[in-house]
Amino acid sequence: MPTGQIVKWGNSLAVRIPKLVAEEVGVREGDPIVIEAEEGQIRLRRRRYHVPSLRELVAQINVENRYDELRSGPARGKEKVEW
């Protein structure tokens, strides 16, 4: 079982994660984590981001956040495409 050590980092404390452990769970420098204290133990876990689907984003469109159509005039160059 890999072990580490708590070290001082400015006014805080830091823990170094051994390379083999980091590779096993797939974390890299800069990855966000959640730190929880429970019953005298410290738990670290990766913070998961939820990337919304197009359906979720479209469902959030309403009258208050929808822009009116913009008129840009007639096509003047290659922006006109005939299908």
Protein backbone atom coordinates (compact mmCIF):
# COMPACT_ATOMS: atom_id res chain seq x y z
CA MET A 1 0.00 0.00 0.00
CA PRO A 2 1.49 3.35 -1.04
CA THR A 3 1.94 5.92 1.70
CA GLY A 4 2.43 9.67 1.75
CA GLN A 5 3.23 12.47 4.11
CA ILE A 6 1.48 15.68 5.06
CA VAL A 7 3.71 18.72 4.44
CA LYS A 8 3.31 22.44 5.07
CA TRP A 9 2.46 24.53 1.99
CA GLY A 10 2.19 28.22 2.90
CA ASN A 11 -0.47 28.46 5.60
CA SER A 12 -2.04 25.18 4.50
CA LEU A 13 -1.14 21.51 4.51
CA ALA A 14 -0.59 19.38 1.42
CA VAL A 15 -0.48 15.67 0.60
CA ARG A 16 1.60 14.24 -2.23
CA ILE A 17 -0.17 11.51 -4.18
CA PRO A 18 2.22 8.78 -5.35
CA LYS A 19 2.51 8.44 -9.13
CA LEU A 20 1.17 4.88 -9.21
CA VAL A 21 -1.95 5.88 -7.26
CA ALA A 22 -2.53 8.93 -9.49
CA GLU A 23 -2.20 6.79 -12.62
CA GLU A 24 -4.53 4.13 -11.23
CA VAL A 25 -7.36 6.61 -10.66
CA GLY A 26 -6.52 8.80 -13.66
CA VAL A 27 -5.82 12.13 -11.96
CA ARG A 28 -3.37 14.73 -13.23
CA GLU A 29 -1.95 18.00 -11.99
CA GLY A 30 -4.64 20.67 -11.94
CA ASP A 31 -7.60 18.27 -11.73
CA PRO A 32 -10.29 19.56 -9.34
CA ILE A 33 -11.00 17.48 -6.25
CA VAL A 34 -13.46 17.50 -3.37
CA ILE A 35 -12.02 17.19 0.16
CA GLU A 36 -14.35 15.84 2.85
CA ALA A 37 -13.78 15.30 6.56
CA GLU A 38 -15.90 12.48 8.02
CA GLU A 39 -15.58 10.84 11.41
CA GLY A 40 -11.90 11.68 11.83
CA GLN A 41 -11.00 10.69 8.25
CA ILE A 42 -10.11 12.75 5.20
CA ARG A 43 -11.61 11.66 1.89
CA LEU A 44 -10.45 12.94 -1.48
CA ARG A 45 -12.43 12.39 -4.66
CA ARG A 46 -12.41 13.80 -8.14
CA ARG A 47 -14.96 16.49 -8.83
CA ARG A 48 -17.08 15.49 -11.78
CA TYR A 49 -18.29 18.08 -14.22
CA HIS A 50 -21.69 17.70 -15.79
CA VAL A 51 -21.57 18.68 -19.45
CA PRO A 52 -25.16 19.50 -20.40
CA SER A 53 -26.64 17.92 -23.50
CA LEU A 54 -28.10 20.01 -26.31
CA ARG A 55 -31.57 18.95 -25.14
CA GLU A 56 -30.86 20.30 -21.62
CA LEU A 57 -29.51 23.58 -22.99
CA VAL A 58 -32.46 24.11 -25.35
CA ALA A 59 -34.88 23.35 -22.50
CA GLN A 60 -33.47 26.40 -20.66
CA ILE A 61 -34.42 28.81 -23.47
CA ASN A 62 -37.31 31.07 -22.52
CA VAL A 63 -38.75 34.48 -23.42
CA GLU A 64 -36.42 36.31 -21.00
CA ASN A 65 -33.14 34.87 -22.34
CA ARG A 66 -33.96 34.61 -26.05
CA TYR A 67 -32.63 37.22 -28.47
CA ASP A 68 -34.53 38.55 -31.44
CA GLU A 69 -33.42 37.61 -34.94
CA LEU A 70 -30.74 39.91 -36.35
CA ARG A 71 -30.98 41.13 -39.91
CA SER A 72 -27.65 41.34 -41.66
CA GLY A 73 -28.80 42.37 -45.13
CA PRO A 74 -28.45 40.47 -48.39
CA ALA A 75 -25.62 38.01 -48.98
CA ARG A 76 -22.55 39.77 -50.43
CA GLY A 77 -20.02 37.00 -50.75
CA LYS A 78 -19.52 33.33 -50.06
CA GLU A 79 -21.86 33.28 -47.06
CA LYS A 80 -24.78 32.40 -49.35
CA VAL A 81 -24.92 28.65 -49.82
CA GLU A 82 -27.37 26.93 -52.09
CA TRP A 83 -28.11 23.35 -51.11
